[in-house]
Amino acid sequence: MCPIFAEGRDVIIHVKVVPGASRTKIAGLLGGRVKILVAAPPEKGKANIALVSYLAKSCGIHKRDVVVESGQSSPLKTVRIRNTELLHVRERLLSGSC
C-alpha cells in the first residue's frame, strides 16, 4: 500500500521522520511510510515545523495547507495536505515510487 493517498479533496501521507540529519530530504519508503530526514532537532516542535515547511515547498503549496494530524511527539506521523491533487503530491515526493 502506498503511504500517500487521497481522502476526499485532501492527501494523507504516512511519514517516518528522522530528525537531526545533515539536511532535509526524502530517504525513500520504509515500512509503509515515506522516510523523511529533517535537519531540525527533535525538540519543541522544531522537527514538525521543518517537516511542514519541507512538504509545502516540495509540493509548491502554502504551509497553512499542511497539517501534522497525529504523531506530534513521535517519529511516526500522519500529515494532511488540504485541497491538492494526489498525483501532484506523489510526483513531487516519490517520483512514481507508488
N, C-alpha and C. Protein backbone atom coordinates (compact mmCIF):
# COMPACT_ATOMS: atom_id res chain seq x y z
N MET A 1 0.84 -1.18 0.00
CA MET A 1 0.00 0.00 0.00
C MET A 1 0.88 1.25 0.00
N CYS A 2 0.51 2.21 -0.81
CA CYS A 2 1.27 3.45 -0.89
C CYS A 2 0.96 4.32 0.33
N PRO A 3 1.97 4.93 0.93
CA PRO A 3 1.75 5.77 2.12
C PRO A 3 1.16 7.14 1.80
N ILE A 4 0.91 7.42 0.52
CA ILE A 4 0.31 8.68 0.10
C ILE A 4 -0.99 8.35 -0.60
N PHE A 5 -2.11 8.84 -0.05
CA PHE A 5 -3.41 8.51 -0.64
C PHE A 5 -4.39 9.67 -0.45
N ALA A 6 -5.44 9.64 -1.26
CA ALA A 6 -6.45 10.70 -1.21
C ALA A 6 -7.50 10.37 -0.16
N GLU A 7 -8.01 11.43 0.47
CA GLU A 7 -9.14 11.33 1.38
C GLU A 7 -10.00 12.55 1.09
N GLY A 8 -11.01 12.36 0.26
CA GLY A 8 -11.80 13.49 -0.19
C GLY A 8 -10.95 14.38 -1.07
N ARG A 9 -10.93 15.68 -0.76
CA ARG A 9 -10.13 16.63 -1.53
C ARG A 9 -8.73 16.82 -0.94
N ASP A 10 -8.39 16.04 0.07
CA ASP A 10 -7.10 16.15 0.74
C ASP A 10 -6.21 14.95 0.40
N VAL A 11 -4.95 15.09 0.70
CA VAL A 11 -3.99 14.00 0.55
C VAL A 11 -3.41 13.69 1.93
N ILE A 12 -3.38 12.41 2.26
CA ILE A 12 -2.83 11.93 3.53
C ILE A 12 -1.48 11.27 3.25
N ILE A 13 -0.49 11.59 4.08
CA ILE A 13 0.83 10.99 3.95
C ILE A 13 1.22 10.40 5.29
N HIS A 14 1.59 9.13 5.30
CA HIS A 14 2.15 8.49 6.49
C HIS A 14 3.66 8.62 6.38
N VAL A 15 4.28 9.26 7.37
CA VAL A 15 5.71 9.51 7.32
C VAL A 15 6.43 8.95 8.54
N LYS A 16 7.70 8.69 8.35
CA LYS A 16 8.65 8.37 9.42
C LYS A 16 9.68 9.47 9.37
N VAL A 17 9.73 10.29 10.40
CA VAL A 17 10.63 11.44 10.43
C VAL A 17 11.87 11.08 11.24
N VAL A 18 13.03 11.42 10.68
CA VAL A 18 14.31 11.21 11.36
C VAL A 18 14.94 12.59 11.55
N PRO A 19 14.82 13.15 12.75
CA PRO A 19 15.37 14.49 12.99
C PRO A 19 16.88 14.47 13.19
N GLY A 20 17.49 15.65 13.08
CA GLY A 20 18.92 15.79 13.32
C GLY A 20 19.80 15.38 12.15
N ALA A 21 19.23 15.29 10.97
CA ALA A 21 20.01 14.92 9.78
C ALA A 21 20.85 16.10 9.31
N SER A 22 21.80 15.84 8.44
CA SER A 22 22.65 16.91 7.92
C SER A 22 21.87 17.85 7.00
N ARG A 23 20.84 17.31 6.32
CA ARG A 23 19.95 18.15 5.52
C ARG A 23 18.59 17.48 5.41
N THR A 24 17.59 18.27 5.08
CA THR A 24 16.23 17.75 4.98
C THR A 24 16.02 17.18 3.58
N LYS A 25 15.55 15.92 3.54
CA LYS A 25 15.31 15.26 2.25
C LYS A 25 14.49 14.00 2.45
N ILE A 26 13.94 13.50 1.37
CA ILE A 26 13.22 12.22 1.39
C ILE A 26 14.25 11.12 1.21
N ALA A 27 14.16 10.10 2.06
CA ALA A 27 15.11 8.98 2.02
C ALA A 27 14.45 7.70 1.52
N GLY A 28 13.30 7.80 0.86
CA GLY A 28 12.65 6.63 0.30
C GLY A 28 11.47 6.16 1.12
N LEU A 29 11.11 4.91 0.92
CA LEU A 29 10.00 4.30 1.64
C LEU A 29 10.53 3.33 2.68
N LEU A 30 9.85 3.29 3.83
CA LEU A 30 10.27 2.40 4.91
C LEU A 30 9.04 1.94 5.68
N GLY A 31 8.76 0.66 5.64
CA GLY A 31 7.66 0.10 6.41
C GLY A 31 6.31 0.74 6.14
N GLY A 32 6.00 1.00 4.89
CA GLY A 32 4.72 1.59 4.54
C GLY A 32 4.62 3.07 4.83
N ARG A 33 5.75 3.74 4.97
CA ARG A 33 5.77 5.18 5.24
C ARG A 33 6.84 5.84 4.36
N VAL A 34 6.68 7.14 4.16
CA VAL A 34 7.71 7.92 3.48
C VAL A 34 8.71 8.34 4.55
N LYS A 35 9.97 7.95 4.36
CA LYS A 35 11.01 8.31 5.32
C LYS A 35 11.58 9.67 4.93
N ILE A 36 11.47 10.62 5.87
CA ILE A 36 11.95 11.97 5.62
C ILE A 36 12.96 12.35 6.70
N LEU A 37 14.16 12.69 6.26
CA LEU A 37 15.20 13.17 7.15
C LEU A 37 15.03 14.68 7.28
N VAL A 38 15.05 15.19 8.50
CA VAL A 38 14.96 16.64 8.70
C VAL A 38 16.17 17.14 9.47
N ALA A 39 16.64 18.31 9.09
CA ALA A 39 17.84 18.87 9.71
C ALA A 39 17.56 19.43 11.11
N ALA A 40 16.32 19.68 11.42
CA ALA A 40 15.97 20.25 12.72
C ALA A 40 16.06 19.20 13.83
N PRO A 41 16.32 19.66 15.05
CA PRO A 41 16.37 18.73 16.19
C PRO A 41 14.95 18.35 16.65
N PRO A 42 14.83 17.24 17.37
CA PRO A 42 13.52 16.79 17.85
C PRO A 42 13.12 17.46 19.17
N GLU A 43 13.08 18.76 19.19
CA GLU A 43 12.76 19.46 20.43
C GLU A 43 11.82 20.64 20.15
N LYS A 44 10.86 20.82 21.04
CA LYS A 44 9.92 21.95 20.99
C LYS A 44 9.24 22.10 19.63
N GLY A 45 8.96 21.00 18.95
CA GLY A 45 8.23 21.04 17.69
C GLY A 45 9.03 21.48 16.48
N LYS A 46 10.35 21.63 16.64
CA LYS A 46 11.18 22.10 15.53
C LYS A 46 11.19 21.13 14.36
N ALA A 47 11.22 19.84 14.64
CA ALA A 47 11.20 18.85 13.56
C ALA A 47 9.88 18.88 12.81
N ASN A 48 8.77 19.08 13.53
CA ASN A 48 7.47 19.18 12.87
C ASN A 48 7.39 20.41 11.98
N ILE A 49 7.91 21.52 12.45
CA ILE A 49 7.92 22.75 11.65
C ILE A 49 8.75 22.55 10.39
N ALA A 50 9.91 21.91 10.53
CA ALA A 50 10.76 21.64 9.37
C ALA A 50 10.07 20.70 8.39
N LEU A 51 9.37 19.70 8.91
CA LEU A 51 8.64 18.76 8.05
C LEU A 51 7.56 19.48 7.25
N VAL A 52 6.76 20.29 7.92
CA VAL A 52 5.69 21.04 7.25
C VAL A 52 6.27 21.97 6.19
N SER A 53 7.32 22.68 6.52
CA SER A 53 7.96 23.60 5.56
C SER A 53 8.49 22.84 4.35
N TYR A 54 9.14 21.71 4.60
CA TYR A 54 9.70 20.92 3.51
C TYR A 54 8.61 20.39 2.58
N LEU A 55 7.55 19.83 3.15
CA LEU A 55 6.47 19.28 2.33
C LEU A 55 5.78 20.38 1.53
N ALA A 56 5.55 21.53 2.15
CA ALA A 56 4.90 22.64 1.44
C ALA A 56 5.77 23.11 0.27
N LYS A 57 7.05 23.29 0.53
CA LYS A 57 7.96 23.75 -0.52
C LYS A 57 8.07 22.71 -1.63
N SER A 58 8.20 21.44 -1.27
CA SER A 58 8.34 20.37 -2.26
C SER A 58 7.12 20.25 -3.16
N CYS A 59 5.95 20.48 -2.57
CA CYS A 59 4.70 20.34 -3.33
C CYS A 59 4.24 21.65 -3.94
N GLY A 60 4.92 22.75 -3.64
CA GLY A 60 4.56 24.04 -4.19
C GLY A 60 3.24 24.57 -3.66
N ILE A 61 3.01 24.38 -2.36
CA ILE A 61 1.77 24.84 -1.75
C ILE A 61 2.08 25.67 -0.51
N HIS A 62 1.05 26.29 0.06
CA HIS A 62 1.23 27.10 1.27
C HIS A 62 1.40 26.20 2.50
N LYS A 63 2.21 26.66 3.43
CA LYS A 63 2.42 25.91 4.69
C LYS A 63 1.11 25.73 5.46
N ARG A 64 0.21 26.69 5.34
CA ARG A 64 -1.07 26.60 6.07
C ARG A 64 -1.92 25.41 5.62
N ASP A 65 -1.61 24.85 4.45
CA ASP A 65 -2.37 23.71 3.94
C ASP A 65 -1.77 22.37 4.33
N VAL A 66 -0.68 22.38 5.09
CA VAL A 66 -0.02 21.15 5.53
C VAL A 66 -0.17 21.06 7.05
N VAL A 67 -0.76 19.95 7.53
CA VAL A 67 -1.05 19.80 8.95
C VAL A 67 -0.56 18.44 9.43
N VAL A 68 0.20 18.43 10.53
CA VAL A 68 0.56 17.17 11.17
C VAL A 68 -0.65 16.77 12.02
N GLU A 69 -1.38 15.76 11.56
CA GLU A 69 -2.61 15.35 12.23
C GLU A 69 -2.37 14.47 13.44
N SER A 70 -1.39 13.60 13.36
CA SER A 70 -1.09 12.74 14.51
C SER A 70 0.40 12.46 14.56
N GLY A 71 0.87 12.16 15.76
CA GLY A 71 2.27 11.84 15.96
C GLY A 71 3.15 13.06 16.21
N GLN A 72 2.58 14.10 16.80
CA GLN A 72 3.35 15.33 17.03
C GLN A 72 4.64 15.08 17.81
N SER A 73 4.63 14.14 18.72
CA SER A 73 5.84 13.87 19.51
C SER A 73 6.43 12.49 19.19
N SER A 74 6.07 11.95 18.05
CA SER A 74 6.54 10.63 17.63
C SER A 74 7.20 10.74 16.26
N PRO A 75 8.12 9.83 15.95
CA PRO A 75 8.69 9.85 14.60
C PRO A 75 7.70 9.35 13.54
N LEU A 76 6.67 8.62 13.96
CA LEU A 76 5.64 8.14 13.03
C LEU A 76 4.50 9.14 13.03
N LYS A 77 4.30 9.78 11.89
CA LYS A 77 3.32 10.86 11.80
C LYS A 77 2.35 10.64 10.65
N THR A 78 1.19 11.26 10.77
CA THR A 78 0.24 11.34 9.69
C THR A 78 0.07 12.81 9.35
N VAL A 79 0.30 13.13 8.08
CA VAL A 79 0.23 14.52 7.61
C VAL A 79 -0.91 14.64 6.61
N ARG A 80 -1.68 15.72 6.74
CA ARG A 80 -2.76 16.03 5.80
C ARG A 80 -2.36 17.25 4.99
N ILE A 81 -2.48 17.13 3.68
CA ILE A 81 -2.29 18.27 2.79
C ILE A 81 -3.66 18.59 2.22
N ARG A 82 -4.15 19.78 2.53
CA ARG A 82 -5.51 20.16 2.15
C ARG A 82 -5.61 20.66 0.72
N ASN A 83 -6.72 20.29 0.08
CA ASN A 83 -7.10 20.81 -1.24
C ASN A 83 -5.98 20.70 -2.28
N THR A 84 -5.51 19.50 -2.48
CA THR A 84 -4.48 19.28 -3.50
C THR A 84 -4.75 17.97 -4.21
N GLU A 85 -4.06 17.73 -5.28
CA GLU A 85 -4.24 16.53 -6.09
C GLU A 85 -3.25 15.44 -5.68
N LEU A 86 -3.77 14.23 -5.57
CA LEU A 86 -2.95 13.08 -5.18
C LEU A 86 -1.77 12.88 -6.13
N LEU A 87 -2.03 12.89 -7.42
CA LEU A 87 -0.94 12.65 -8.38
C LEU A 87 0.15 13.72 -8.29
N HIS A 88 -0.25 14.95 -8.04
CA HIS A 88 0.72 16.04 -7.91
C HIS A 88 1.67 15.76 -6.73
N VAL A 89 1.11 15.37 -5.59
CA VAL A 89 1.92 15.11 -4.40
C VAL A 89 2.83 13.90 -4.63
N ARG A 90 2.28 12.84 -5.19
CA ARG A 90 3.10 11.64 -5.44
C ARG A 90 4.25 11.94 -6.38
N GLU A 91 3.97 12.68 -7.45
CA GLU A 91 5.03 13.01 -8.41
C GLU A 91 6.11 13.86 -7.77
N ARG A 92 5.72 14.83 -6.96
CA ARG A 92 6.67 15.74 -6.34
C ARG A 92 7.52 15.05 -5.28
N LEU A 93 6.91 14.11 -4.53
CA LEU A 93 7.63 13.50 -3.41
C LEU A 93 8.30 12.17 -3.74
N LEU A 94 7.65 11.35 -4.55
CA LEU A 94 8.17 10.00 -4.75
C LEU A 94 8.61 9.67 -6.16
N SER A 95 8.39 10.53 -7.09
CA SER A 95 8.78 10.29 -8.48
C SER A 95 8.30 8.94 -8.97
N GLY A 96 7.03 8.63 -8.71
CA GLY A 96 6.43 7.42 -9.24
C GLY A 96 6.74 6.15 -8.48
N SER A 97 7.18 6.22 -7.23
CA SER A 97 7.52 5.02 -6.46
C SER A 97 6.29 4.22 -6.03
N CYS A 98 5.11 4.80 -6.07
CA CYS A 98 3.89 4.09 -5.66
C CYS A 98 3.05 3.76 -6.87
